[in-house]
Amino acid sequence: MSVEAITIIMVLITFGLYTGIGWWSRVKDTSSFYVAGQNVPTVANGAAIAADWMSAASFISMAGLVAFLGYDGTIYLMGWTGGYVLLALLLAPYLRKFGKFTVPDFIGDRFYSSSARTVAAIATIFISLTYISGQMRGVGIVFSRYLQVDIIVGVLIGMAIVGFFALLGGMKGITWTQATQYFVIIIAFLIPAIAISLQLTGNPVPQLALTGSDIVDRLTTLQIDLGMTEYMAPFTDLSLLNVFMITLALMAGTAGLPHVIVRFYTVKNVRAARWSAVWAIIFIALLYLTAPAVGAFAKYNLINTIADQPLEEVQEIDWVNKWETTGLLQFNDLNSDGIVNFSEGEADNEVVIDGDIIVLSTPEVANLAPFIIALVATGGLAAALSTASGLLITMSSAVSHDIYYRIFNKEASEKQRLRVGRLTLLVALLIAAYVGINPPGFAGEVVALAFGLGAASLFPVILLGIFDKRMNKEGAIAGILTGLIFTLVMIGLILSESIFGTDGAILNSFFGINAQGVGVIGMLLNFIVSFIVSRNTPAPPVEIQQLIESVRAPEMDSELEIAATKEDN
């Protein structure tokens, strides 16, 4: 049986499982649609958070970024991991204690302002749309390869499937589906990693193989022989300034991502939120500690297989032929010598590889069993689908709950609010599909832009909203608008060529800072503007200040809550 046939069978089986879970947990009320009825067990919520967190950027693109960027690619590992710890320690317990549905809900009530709620909802939509476009790209790549269709068709197929799951079960269905998808994701990532580790080093533990064998030295020698830079040479693709700024943007952006924060609203109490964070960190670490090894193994196998080989023979290799069909792998015999010249310079590099195919193609390049190849494709779909579904619900709640219901129609029925929420899902899907077809970078790079927007807009006001009683509505609104507008404009100017099709970038960088790191400047402007404006306008009402004091106080769980949490764990 062919790899494609096995893949389709495995995808159909897992999709059948996801559909069954979605149907079992389908919703008819807004509490279940937005926050799963706030009754999700902590272990399941931890797995759902991990699946939501380990998007296509983590599963498909992160190892590819590490493979292409080497040392510099570790910014994604450091930023995303450190940011999650920041979120779990500084924000999640307090937001859960506040007890609302969404991040705009918190900002609207904390800053006693419909305007603040609206601005936060708009920021949420921008962040989520940017983030979901990377997921649609990942889904499209998987379908384009294994259904042998153009990537545009792949993205459209993915759009239909993501929409189906999100529309059916809301947050309740998505939570239980994501908890299941986590185990699909981690199995699909670890099994090939272990197999390739054994194949290349004889060590079944990828992390130990990366640090305790000569694989990095072999890869470095191979690259140098081809005229490329040393694999682990620092600051070759990114400057020291950009490494620092992107890492910080990813960390702060993590703590400002509304689709991750909302996960802590789906449990019973603050204690359960903390336990969810603990479980999620454990689950996430299994993949994040393995990704650097996969990146190194994948690049070594890829270069060793095709570099300096006759082009005709390379193009006859089965996996090469099939990835060429997708348009994500291309060969250009620039010097007409019939040999594949693999180098880093755009002018003389005859191999054009989309970084998002690295993980998906690795089992095929390594000649692993068809079952493992199919398993990786299934895992990639699970990763993209899990995050995309969560993002759709986040955008849906921002429009239907935070804008439509809380501002424009407070008398809206459950049925009306659900209808608006589902209509928002469809519109968001269409926009995400377009950006997925015309991305400004790898899935991981596109997702990094969303983190920059989160860092610049929501993170500062959430942090100040919890720890600064003097922070008021005027400061929050001014801060969010300043950070969001500045970052959006800078990203647009720096990436104008890929986003708007201009002849070259309008702006090469912001004083040396690229598009992925410019959100830090937006974040600093947000903090400064928020602080100055809040100190020069009236203080929040006394009851708001007292509310913040109670939110920051240690949680005094009742015996009943503690017992319920122990049962969950």
Protein backbone atom coordinates (compact mmCIF):
# COMPACT_ATOMS: atom_id res chain seq x y z
CA MET A 1 0.00 0.00 0.00
CA SER A 2 1.33 3.47 -0.92
CA VAL A 3 2.29 6.13 1.58
CA GLU A 4 -0.55 8.32 0.30
CA ALA A 5 -3.13 5.57 0.82
CA ILE A 6 -1.91 4.83 4.36
CA THR A 7 -1.93 8.56 5.14
CA ILE A 8 -5.48 9.02 3.92
CA ILE A 9 -6.63 6.02 5.99
CA MET A 10 -4.94 7.35 9.14
CA VAL A 11 -6.29 10.85 8.57
CA LEU A 12 -9.81 9.50 8.08
CA ILE A 13 -9.55 7.43 11.28
CA THR A 14 -8.33 10.37 13.37
CA PHE A 15 -10.84 12.75 11.80
CA GLY A 16 -13.57 10.25 12.57
CA LEU A 17 -12.40 10.25 16.18
CA TYR A 18 -12.35 14.07 16.31
CA THR A 19 -15.80 14.24 14.73
CA GLY A 20 -17.19 11.76 17.23
CA ILE A 21 -15.79 13.81 20.12
CA GLY A 22 -17.15 17.01 18.61
CA TRP A 23 -20.61 15.48 18.17
CA TRP A 24 -20.58 14.05 21.70
CA SER A 25 -19.70 17.46 23.13
CA ARG A 26 -21.74 19.67 20.78
CA VAL A 27 -23.08 22.80 22.45
CA LYS A 28 -26.29 24.77 22.64
CA ASP A 29 -25.33 27.47 25.16
CA THR A 30 -22.71 30.22 25.10
CA SER A 31 -20.92 29.10 28.28
CA SER A 32 -20.04 25.78 26.66
CA PHE A 33 -19.31 27.47 23.32
CA TYR A 34 -16.84 29.97 24.80
CA VAL A 35 -15.32 28.33 27.92
CA ALA A 36 -16.48 24.68 27.85
CA GLY A 37 -18.80 25.23 30.82
CA GLN A 38 -15.71 25.85 33.05
CA ASN A 39 -15.71 22.19 34.00
CA VAL A 40 -12.70 20.64 32.21
CA PRO A 41 -10.44 18.33 34.33
CA THR A 42 -6.92 19.69 34.84
CA VAL A 43 -4.99 16.91 33.06
CA ALA A 44 -7.29 17.13 30.04
CA ASN A 45 -7.01 20.90 30.06
CA GLY A 46 -3.21 20.65 30.28
CA ALA A 47 -3.19 18.39 27.22
CA ALA A 48 -5.58 20.74 25.41
CA ILE A 49 -3.37 23.74 26.25
CA ALA A 50 -0.34 21.85 24.96
CA ALA A 51 -2.09 20.96 21.71
CA ASP A 52 -3.35 24.53 21.34
CA TRP A 53 0.18 25.75 22.01
CA MET A 54 1.97 23.25 19.76
CA SER A 55 0.54 24.58 16.56
CA ALA A 56 1.73 24.01 13.01
CA ALA A 57 4.50 26.45 13.90
CA SER A 58 5.77 24.10 16.62
CA PHE A 59 5.19 20.77 14.89
CA ILE A 60 5.86 21.62 11.25
CA SER A 61 7.89 24.80 11.21
CA MET A 62 10.01 25.09 14.36
CA ALA A 63 12.39 22.23 13.56
CA GLY A 64 12.60 23.64 10.03
CA LEU A 65 13.55 27.05 11.40
CA VAL A 66 16.21 25.46 13.61
CA ALA A 67 17.47 23.45 10.62
CA PHE A 68 17.77 26.54 8.41
CA LEU A 69 18.88 29.06 11.06
CA GLY A 70 20.95 26.74 13.28
CA TYR A 71 21.95 28.57 16.46
CA ASP A 72 19.78 31.57 15.60
CA GLY A 73 16.72 29.32 15.28
CA THR A 74 16.79 28.61 19.00
CA ILE A 75 15.11 31.98 19.58
CA TYR A 76 11.80 30.23 18.92
CA LEU A 77 12.51 27.57 21.53
CA MET A 78 13.63 30.09 24.14
CA GLY A 79 10.93 32.64 23.41
CA TRP A 80 7.94 30.33 23.29
CA THR A 81 9.04 28.23 26.28
CA GLY A 82 10.00 31.18 28.46
CA GLY A 83 6.83 33.00 27.52
CA TYR A 84 4.65 30.13 28.63
CA VAL A 85 6.30 30.13 32.05
CA LEU A 86 5.70 33.88 32.23
CA LEU A 87 2.04 33.37 31.38
CA ALA A 88 1.56 30.54 33.88
CA LEU A 89 3.19 32.39 36.79
CA LEU A 90 2.20 36.03 36.27
CA LEU A 91 -1.16 36.06 34.53
CA ALA A 92 -3.15 32.84 34.31
CA PRO A 93 -4.14 32.35 38.00
CA TYR A 94 -5.20 35.98 38.40
CA LEU A 95 -7.21 36.04 35.21
CA ARG A 96 -8.99 32.84 36.20
CA LYS A 97 -9.78 34.32 39.61
CA PHE A 98 -11.26 37.34 37.87
CA GLY A 99 -13.65 34.82 36.35
CA LYS A 100 -14.61 36.13 32.90
CA PHE A 101 -15.05 34.52 29.49
CA THR A 102 -12.37 36.24 27.45
CA VAL A 103 -9.40 38.64 27.56
CA PRO A 104 -11.54 41.57 26.27
CA ASP A 105 -14.02 40.62 29.02
CA PHE A 106 -11.28 41.09 31.62
CA ILE A 107 -10.06 44.36 30.08
CA GLY A 108 -13.59 45.74 29.68
CA ASP A 109 -14.56 45.05 33.30
CA ARG A 110 -11.16 45.81 34.85
CA PHE A 111 -11.05 49.17 33.08
CA TYR A 112 -14.81 49.80 33.46
CA SER A 113 -15.12 50.76 29.82
CA SER A 114 -16.89 49.52 26.69
CA SER A 115 -14.30 51.36 24.63
CA ALA A 116 -11.48 49.43 26.32
CA ARG A 117 -13.38 46.20 25.66
CA THR A 118 -13.81 47.09 21.99
CA VAL A 119 -10.15 48.01 21.50
CA ALA A 120 -9.06 44.77 23.21
CA ALA A 121 -11.46 42.78 21.01
CA ILE A 122 -10.01 44.40 17.88
CA ALA A 123 -6.49 43.57 19.04
CA THR A 124 -7.61 39.99 19.69
CA ILE A 125 -8.94 39.71 16.13
CA PHE A 126 -5.70 41.03 14.58
CA ILE A 127 -3.56 38.67 16.69
CA SER A 128 -5.73 35.65 16.00
CA LEU A 129 -6.02 36.28 12.25
CA THR A 130 -2.25 36.55 11.94
CA TYR A 131 -1.76 33.41 14.02
CA ILE A 132 -4.35 31.30 12.22
CA SER A 133 -2.90 32.11 8.79
CA GLY A 134 0.19 30.11 9.78
CA GLN A 135 -2.00 27.17 10.74
CA MET A 136 -3.87 27.25 7.45
CA ARG A 137 -0.51 27.23 5.70
CA GLY A 138 0.47 24.09 7.63
CA VAL A 139 -2.79 22.30 6.83
CA GLY A 140 -2.45 23.24 3.17
CA ILE A 141 1.09 21.84 2.96
CA VAL A 142 0.03 18.48 4.38
CA PHE A 143 -2.93 18.13 2.05
CA SER A 144 -1.00 19.34 -1.00
CA ARG A 145 1.67 16.68 -0.48
CA TYR A 146 -0.44 13.67 0.40
CA LEU A 147 -3.35 14.40 -1.91
CA GLN A 148 -0.89 15.53 -4.63
CA VAL A 149 -2.73 18.80 -5.22
CA ASP A 150 -1.60 22.40 -5.46
CA ILE A 151 -1.12 24.11 -2.09
CA ILE A 152 -4.02 26.48 -2.83
CA VAL A 153 -6.35 23.48 -3.04
CA GLY A 154 -4.75 22.08 0.11
CA VAL A 155 -5.46 25.28 2.06
CA LEU A 156 -9.08 25.34 0.87
CA ILE A 157 -9.58 21.72 1.97
CA GLY A 158 -8.07 22.58 5.34
CA MET A 159 -10.33 25.61 5.64
CA ALA A 160 -13.42 23.45 5.23
CA ILE A 161 -12.26 20.89 7.83
CA VAL A 162 -11.19 23.47 10.43
CA GLY A 163 -14.51 25.28 10.03
CA PHE A 164 -16.46 22.07 10.50
CA PHE A 165 -14.86 21.21 13.85
CA ALA A 166 -15.08 24.76 15.21
CA LEU A 167 -18.71 25.26 14.18
CA LEU A 168 -19.84 21.93 15.60
CA GLY A 169 -18.61 21.87 19.18
CA GLY A 170 -17.46 25.33 20.22
CA MET A 171 -14.88 25.47 23.01
CA LYS A 172 -16.23 22.37 24.74
CA GLY A 173 -15.84 20.21 21.66
CA ILE A 174 -12.52 21.81 20.77
CA THR A 175 -11.11 21.26 24.27
CA TRP A 176 -11.78 17.51 24.27
CA THR A 177 -10.70 17.21 20.64
CA GLN A 178 -7.45 19.04 21.43
CA ALA A 179 -6.76 16.81 24.42
CA THR A 180 -6.98 13.86 22.03
CA GLN A 181 -4.97 15.64 19.35
CA TYR A 182 -2.10 16.25 21.77
CA PHE A 183 -1.38 12.53 22.00
CA VAL A 184 -1.57 12.20 18.22
CA ILE A 185 0.86 15.13 17.89
CA ILE A 186 3.42 13.91 20.40
CA ILE A 187 3.42 10.30 19.17
CA ALA A 188 3.77 11.51 15.58
CA PHE A 189 6.73 13.71 16.53
CA LEU A 190 8.61 11.35 18.87
CA ILE A 191 8.45 8.07 16.91
CA PRO A 192 10.21 9.41 13.78
CA ALA A 193 12.66 11.37 15.94
CA ILE A 194 13.63 8.19 17.78
CA ALA A 195 13.87 6.19 14.54
CA ILE A 196 16.11 8.77 12.81
CA SER A 197 18.21 9.17 15.95
CA LEU A 198 18.87 5.42 15.93
CA GLN A 199 19.59 5.48 12.22
CA LEU A 200 22.13 8.32 12.34
CA THR A 201 23.75 7.87 15.76
CA GLY A 202 22.72 4.50 17.21
CA ASN A 203 21.20 6.35 20.20
CA PRO A 204 17.40 6.08 20.63
CA VAL A 205 17.17 9.28 22.71
CA PRO A 206 17.22 12.24 20.28
CA GLN A 207 18.31 14.79 22.88
CA LEU A 208 21.26 12.69 24.00
CA ALA A 209 22.10 11.86 20.40
CA LEU A 210 22.27 15.56 19.54
CA THR A 211 24.62 16.42 22.42
CA GLY A 212 26.49 13.15 22.87
CA SER A 213 27.29 12.14 19.29
CA ASP A 214 29.18 13.71 16.40
CA ILE A 215 26.06 14.49 14.34
CA VAL A 216 26.45 18.27 14.70
CA ASP A 217 30.13 18.03 13.75
CA ARG A 218 29.22 15.93 10.71
CA LEU A 219 26.57 18.45 9.68
CA THR A 220 28.98 21.35 10.16
CA THR A 221 31.67 19.63 8.07
CA LEU A 222 29.12 18.89 5.35
CA GLN A 223 27.97 22.51 5.23
CA ILE A 224 31.49 23.94 5.19
CA ASP A 225 32.47 21.56 2.36
CA LEU A 226 29.55 22.97 0.35
CA GLY A 227 30.61 26.55 1.02
CA MET A 228 27.95 27.16 3.66
CA THR A 229 28.47 28.57 7.16
CA GLU A 230 29.05 26.47 10.26
CA TYR A 231 25.74 25.00 11.47
CA MET A 232 26.01 26.32 15.03
CA ALA A 233 27.71 29.63 14.22
CA PRO A 234 25.80 32.37 16.08
CA PHE A 235 24.30 35.51 14.54
CA THR A 236 24.77 34.49 10.92
CA ASP A 237 21.13 34.92 9.86
CA LEU A 238 20.05 37.21 12.70
CA SER A 239 22.00 39.92 14.48
CA LEU A 240 22.53 39.82 18.23
CA LEU A 241 19.99 42.65 18.52
CA ASN A 242 17.35 40.69 16.58
CA VAL A 243 17.99 37.49 18.54
CA PHE A 244 17.32 39.39 21.76
CA MET A 245 14.30 41.34 20.44
CA ILE A 246 12.58 38.38 18.80
CA THR A 247 13.07 36.21 21.88
CA LEU A 248 11.58 38.93 24.10
CA ALA A 249 8.71 39.50 21.66
CA LEU A 250 7.89 35.79 21.67
CA MET A 251 8.01 35.64 25.48
CA ALA A 252 5.83 38.70 26.09
CA GLY A 253 3.58 37.80 23.17
CA THR A 254 2.94 34.38 24.65
CA ALA A 255 1.60 36.02 27.79
CA GLY A 256 -0.67 38.18 25.63
CA LEU A 257 -2.14 35.50 23.38
CA PRO A 258 -5.91 35.47 23.97
CA HIS A 259 -6.49 31.94 22.60
CA VAL A 260 -4.04 30.51 25.17
CA ILE A 261 -5.24 32.66 28.08
CA VAL A 262 -8.85 31.60 27.52
CA ARG A 263 -7.79 28.01 28.24
CA PHE A 264 -7.42 28.90 31.91
CA TYR A 265 -11.07 29.98 32.01
CA THR A 266 -12.25 26.47 31.12
CA VAL A 267 -11.40 24.92 34.52
CA LYS A 268 -13.29 25.05 37.81
CA ASN A 269 -11.11 27.36 39.89
CA VAL A 270 -7.72 29.04 40.33
CA ARG A 271 -6.12 25.94 41.81
CA ALA A 272 -7.17 23.94 38.76
CA ALA A 273 -5.74 26.68 36.50
CA ARG A 274 -2.35 26.33 38.18
CA TRP A 275 -2.39 22.54 37.84
CA SER A 276 -3.38 22.89 34.19
CA ALA A 277 -0.28 25.02 33.67
CA VAL A 278 1.93 22.39 35.33
CA TRP A 279 0.57 19.58 33.15
CA ALA A 280 0.84 21.72 30.02
CA ILE A 281 4.52 22.50 30.67
CA ILE A 282 5.26 18.79 31.06
CA PHE A 283 3.40 17.94 27.85
CA ILE A 284 4.97 20.79 25.87
CA ALA A 285 8.50 19.93 27.02
CA LEU A 286 8.32 16.51 25.33
CA LEU A 287 8.18 18.15 21.90
CA TYR A 288 10.24 21.28 22.51
CA LEU A 289 13.22 19.35 23.88
CA THR A 290 13.13 17.10 20.81
CA ALA A 291 12.76 19.74 18.07
CA PRO A 292 16.45 20.84 17.95
CA ALA A 293 17.53 17.25 17.38
CA VAL A 294 14.94 16.78 14.62
CA GLY A 295 16.13 19.98 12.94
CA ALA A 296 19.76 18.83 12.88
CA PHE A 297 18.91 15.27 11.78
CA ALA A 298 16.61 16.55 9.04
CA LYS A 299 19.12 18.98 7.56
CA TYR A 300 21.93 16.43 7.61
CA ASN A 301 19.82 13.81 5.82
CA LEU A 302 18.48 16.29 3.28
CA ILE A 303 21.84 17.75 2.28
CA ASN A 304 23.58 14.39 2.35
CA THR A 305 20.92 12.93 0.02
CA ILE A 306 20.77 15.52 -2.75
CA ALA A 307 23.83 17.80 -2.60
CA ASP A 308 26.35 17.36 -5.46
CA GLN A 309 24.23 14.62 -7.04
CA PRO A 310 23.15 14.44 -10.70
CA LEU A 311 19.94 16.45 -11.05
CA GLU A 312 18.20 13.84 -13.19
CA GLU A 313 18.84 11.12 -10.60
CA VAL A 314 17.69 13.34 -7.74
CA GLN A 315 14.43 14.19 -9.49
CA GLU A 316 13.72 10.49 -9.96
CA ILE A 317 13.72 9.94 -6.18
CA ASP A 318 10.12 9.29 -5.16
CA TRP A 319 9.87 11.80 -2.31
CA VAL A 320 11.61 14.50 -4.37
CA ASN A 321 9.20 14.00 -7.25
CA LYS A 322 6.17 14.23 -4.99
CA TRP A 323 7.32 17.34 -3.11
CA GLU A 324 8.19 19.00 -6.44
CA THR A 325 4.58 18.51 -7.46
CA THR A 326 3.47 20.73 -4.57
CA GLY A 327 5.76 23.55 -5.69
CA LEU A 328 7.41 23.65 -2.25
CA LEU A 329 10.63 22.03 -3.51
CA GLN A 330 12.26 23.33 -6.69
CA PHE A 331 15.53 22.81 -8.56
CA ASN A 332 17.15 25.40 -10.81
CA ASP A 333 20.25 24.25 -12.71
CA LEU A 334 21.73 27.73 -12.83
CA ASN A 335 25.11 26.77 -14.25
CA SER A 336 23.71 24.00 -16.52
CA ASP A 337 26.14 21.40 -15.18
CA GLY A 338 23.41 18.87 -14.34
CA ILE A 339 24.55 18.72 -10.72
CA VAL A 340 22.56 19.85 -7.65
CA ASN A 341 24.54 22.71 -6.08
CA PHE A 342 23.33 23.22 -2.53
CA SER A 343 24.38 26.51 -0.90
CA GLU A 344 23.01 29.35 1.22
CA GLY A 345 23.40 32.23 -1.22
CA GLU A 346 20.25 33.01 -3.21
CA ALA A 347 22.31 33.83 -6.29
CA ASP A 348 23.97 30.42 -6.61
CA ASN A 349 21.67 28.10 -4.68
CA GLU A 350 20.02 25.64 -7.06
CA VAL A 351 17.70 24.14 -4.44
CA VAL A 352 14.65 26.11 -3.30
CA ILE A 353 13.15 24.47 -0.20
CA ASP A 354 10.17 25.78 1.71
CA GLY A 355 11.24 25.47 5.34
CA ASP A 356 7.79 24.20 6.32
CA ILE A 357 8.37 20.87 4.55
CA ILE A 358 11.41 19.89 6.64
CA VAL A 359 9.61 17.91 9.35
CA LEU A 360 7.01 16.43 7.00
CA SER A 361 9.61 15.25 4.48
CA THR A 362 12.15 13.96 7.02
CA PRO A 363 10.75 10.40 7.39
CA GLU A 364 10.68 10.04 3.59
CA VAL A 365 14.24 11.35 3.18
CA ALA A 366 15.38 8.90 5.88
CA ASN A 367 13.54 5.99 4.15
CA LEU A 368 11.48 5.21 7.21
CA ALA A 369 8.45 2.90 7.06
CA PRO A 370 5.37 4.23 5.23
CA PHE A 371 3.41 4.00 8.48
CA ILE A 372 5.77 6.49 10.16
CA ILE A 373 5.59 8.84 7.15
CA ALA A 374 1.80 8.77 7.37
CA LEU A 375 1.93 9.24 11.14
CA VAL A 376 3.92 12.48 10.77
CA ALA A 377 1.38 13.84 8.28
CA THR A 378 -1.43 12.96 10.69
CA GLY A 379 0.39 14.71 13.53
CA GLY A 380 0.98 17.81 11.45
CA LEU A 381 -2.71 18.04 10.67
CA ALA A 382 -3.62 17.53 14.32
CA ALA A 383 -1.25 20.33 15.37
CA ALA A 384 -2.59 22.81 12.83
CA LEU A 385 -6.24 21.88 13.35
CA SER A 386 -6.07 22.07 17.14
CA THR A 387 -4.66 25.59 17.21
CA ALA A 388 -6.76 26.86 14.31
CA SER A 389 -9.94 25.73 16.04
CA GLY A 390 -9.00 27.49 19.28
CA LEU A 391 -8.16 30.68 17.40
CA LEU A 392 -11.47 30.64 15.58
CA ILE A 393 -13.36 30.39 18.87
CA THR A 394 -11.28 33.26 20.27
CA MET A 395 -12.15 35.51 17.32
CA SER A 396 -15.75 34.39 17.45
CA SER A 397 -16.09 35.27 21.13
CA ALA A 398 -14.38 38.65 20.59
CA VAL A 399 -17.03 39.61 18.03
CA SER A 400 -20.19 37.90 19.28
CA HIS A 401 -19.64 38.15 23.05
CA ASP A 402 -17.38 41.17 23.61
CA ILE A 403 -18.63 43.46 20.83
CA TYR A 404 -22.09 42.32 19.73
CA TYR A 405 -23.52 41.18 23.08
CA ARG A 406 -21.65 43.27 25.66
CA ILE A 407 -21.79 46.54 23.69
CA PHE A 408 -24.42 46.61 20.94
CA ASN A 409 -27.17 44.19 21.97
CA LYS A 410 -27.22 43.29 25.65
CA GLU A 411 -30.65 41.71 25.16
CA ALA A 412 -29.39 39.24 22.56
CA SER A 413 -30.57 35.66 23.10
CA GLU A 414 -28.29 32.60 23.28
CA LYS A 415 -29.39 31.68 19.77
CA GLN A 416 -28.56 35.12 18.36
CA ARG A 417 -25.14 35.19 19.99
CA LEU A 418 -24.26 31.72 18.71
CA ARG A 419 -25.40 32.71 15.21
CA VAL A 420 -23.14 35.79 15.24
CA GLY A 421 -20.27 33.70 16.62
CA ARG A 422 -20.55 31.11 13.88
CA LEU A 423 -20.85 33.75 11.16
CA THR A 424 -17.64 35.31 12.50
CA LEU A 425 -15.95 31.92 12.21
CA LEU A 426 -16.75 31.71 8.52
CA VAL A 427 -15.47 35.23 7.75
CA ALA A 428 -12.27 34.60 9.74
CA LEU A 429 -11.70 31.33 7.87
CA LEU A 430 -11.88 33.05 4.49
CA ILE A 431 -9.34 35.70 5.52
CA ALA A 432 -7.03 33.10 7.10
CA ALA A 433 -7.19 30.95 3.97
CA TYR A 434 -6.13 33.90 1.80
CA VAL A 435 -3.12 34.68 4.01
CA GLY A 436 -2.30 30.96 4.19
CA ILE A 437 -2.12 30.89 0.39
CA ASN A 438 -0.06 34.11 0.27
CA PRO A 439 2.10 33.94 3.42
CA PRO A 440 4.81 36.52 4.27
CA GLY A 441 7.12 33.75 5.52
CA PHE A 442 7.38 30.26 7.05
CA ALA A 443 4.48 29.21 9.26
CA GLY A 444 6.71 29.80 12.28
CA GLU A 445 7.71 33.27 11.08
CA VAL A 446 4.10 34.26 10.40
CA VAL A 447 3.10 33.05 13.84
CA ALA A 448 5.97 35.09 15.33
CA LEU A 449 4.29 38.20 13.95
CA ALA A 450 1.18 37.35 15.97
CA PHE A 451 3.30 37.11 19.10
CA GLY A 452 4.72 40.55 18.36
CA LEU A 453 1.20 41.94 18.11
CA GLY A 454 0.25 40.23 21.38
CA ALA A 455 3.30 41.67 23.12
CA ALA A 456 2.62 45.17 21.82
CA SER A 457 -1.11 45.33 22.49
CA LEU A 458 -2.56 43.08 25.20
CA PHE A 459 0.34 41.96 27.41
CA PRO A 460 1.16 45.37 28.94
CA VAL A 461 -2.42 46.26 29.87
CA ILE A 462 -3.15 42.80 31.28
CA LEU A 463 -0.01 42.96 33.42
CA LEU A 464 -0.68 46.52 34.56
CA GLY A 465 -4.35 45.70 35.04
CA ILE A 466 -3.41 43.05 37.58
CA PHE A 467 -0.46 44.69 39.37
CA ASP A 468 -1.12 48.44 39.07
CA LYS A 469 -4.24 49.68 40.87
CA ARG A 470 -3.71 53.18 39.48
CA MET A 471 -3.96 51.95 35.87
CA ASN A 472 -7.19 53.36 34.44
CA LYS A 473 -9.33 53.12 31.31
CA GLU A 474 -7.70 56.09 29.58
CA GLY A 475 -4.25 54.56 30.01
CA ALA A 476 -5.38 51.12 28.84
CA ILE A 477 -7.07 52.41 25.67
CA ALA A 478 -4.17 54.70 24.75
CA GLY A 479 -1.61 51.96 25.44
CA ILE A 480 -3.35 49.27 23.38
CA LEU A 481 -3.91 51.59 20.41
CA THR A 482 -0.35 52.89 20.49
CA GLY A 483 1.27 49.45 20.65
CA LEU A 484 -1.07 47.83 18.14
CA ILE A 485 -0.99 50.60 15.52
CA PHE A 486 2.78 51.08 15.73
CA THR A 487 3.48 47.36 15.37
CA LEU A 488 0.99 46.84 12.55
CA VAL A 489 2.45 49.77 10.61
CA MET A 490 6.03 48.61 11.12
CA ILE A 491 5.24 45.02 10.10
CA GLY A 492 3.46 46.33 7.01
CA LEU A 493 6.38 48.56 6.02
CA ILE A 494 9.08 45.94 6.64
CA LEU A 495 7.17 43.10 4.94
CA SER A 496 5.53 45.27 2.28
CA GLU A 497 7.04 43.26 -0.57
CA SER A 498 5.48 39.94 0.51
CA ILE A 499 2.25 41.42 1.93
CA PHE A 500 1.42 44.13 -0.60
CA GLY A 501 3.58 43.10 -3.55
CA THR A 502 5.66 46.29 -3.57
CA ASP A 503 8.92 46.45 -5.51
CA GLY A 504 11.19 45.81 -2.54
CA ALA A 505 10.51 46.52 1.12
CA ILE A 506 9.41 50.06 1.96
CA LEU A 507 11.45 49.82 5.16
CA ASN A 508 14.27 47.31 5.62
CA SER A 509 14.05 47.34 9.41
CA PHE A 510 13.30 49.58 12.38
CA PHE A 511 16.79 50.66 13.42
CA GLY A 512 18.06 47.15 12.75
CA ILE A 513 15.05 45.32 14.27
CA ASN A 514 13.13 43.06 11.90
CA ALA A 515 9.37 42.45 11.67
CA GLN A 516 9.38 39.54 14.15
CA GLY A 517 11.09 41.64 16.83
CA VAL A 518 9.54 45.06 16.32
CA GLY A 519 6.66 44.18 18.64
CA VAL A 520 9.02 44.79 21.59
CA ILE A 521 9.22 48.47 20.64
CA GLY A 522 5.42 48.53 20.44
CA MET A 523 5.28 46.89 23.87
CA LEU A 524 7.62 49.49 25.41
CA LEU A 525 5.58 52.31 23.85
CA ASN A 526 2.44 50.70 25.27
CA PHE A 527 3.90 50.59 28.78
CA ILE A 528 5.15 54.19 28.58
CA VAL A 529 1.94 55.65 27.14
CA SER A 530 -0.26 53.65 29.54
CA PHE A 531 1.72 54.82 32.56
CA ILE A 532 1.88 58.50 31.53
CA VAL A 533 -1.79 58.74 30.52
CA SER A 534 -3.05 56.91 33.62
CA ARG A 535 -1.06 59.22 35.92
CA ASN A 536 -2.51 62.30 34.27
CA THR A 537 -6.17 61.23 34.26
CA PRO A 538 -8.62 60.31 37.06
CA ALA A 539 -7.85 57.21 39.14
CA PRO A 540 -10.07 54.13 38.77
CA PRO A 541 -13.16 53.94 41.01
CA VAL A 542 -12.56 52.65 44.52
CA GLU A 543 -14.53 49.46 43.87
CA ILE A 544 -12.24 48.63 40.91
CA GLN A 545 -9.14 49.12 43.07
CA GLN A 546 -10.63 46.88 45.73
CA LEU A 547 -11.44 44.28 43.07
CA ILE A 548 -7.81 44.23 41.93
CA GLU A 549 -6.63 43.80 45.52
CA SER A 550 -8.90 40.78 45.91
CA VAL A 551 -7.73 39.28 42.60
CA ARG A 552 -4.08 39.59 43.68
CA ALA A 553 -4.73 38.07 47.13
CA PRO A 554 -3.77 34.40 47.63
CA GLU A 555 -6.61 32.14 46.58
CA MET A 556 -8.49 30.65 49.53
CA ASP A 557 -10.08 27.58 47.98
CA SER A 558 -12.88 25.97 49.87
CA GLU A 559 -12.51 22.38 51.04
CA LEU A 560 -15.02 21.35 48.39
CA GLU A 561 -12.96 23.01 45.60
CA ILE A 562 -9.74 21.43 46.84
CA ALA A 563 -11.37 18.00 46.96
CA ALA A 564 -12.73 18.44 43.43
CA THR A 565 -9.32 19.45 42.13
CA LYS A 566 -7.63 16.48 43.79
CA GLU A 567 -10.11 14.19 42.07
CA ASP A 568 -9.22 15.78 38.70
CA ASN A 569 -5.52 15.18 39.29
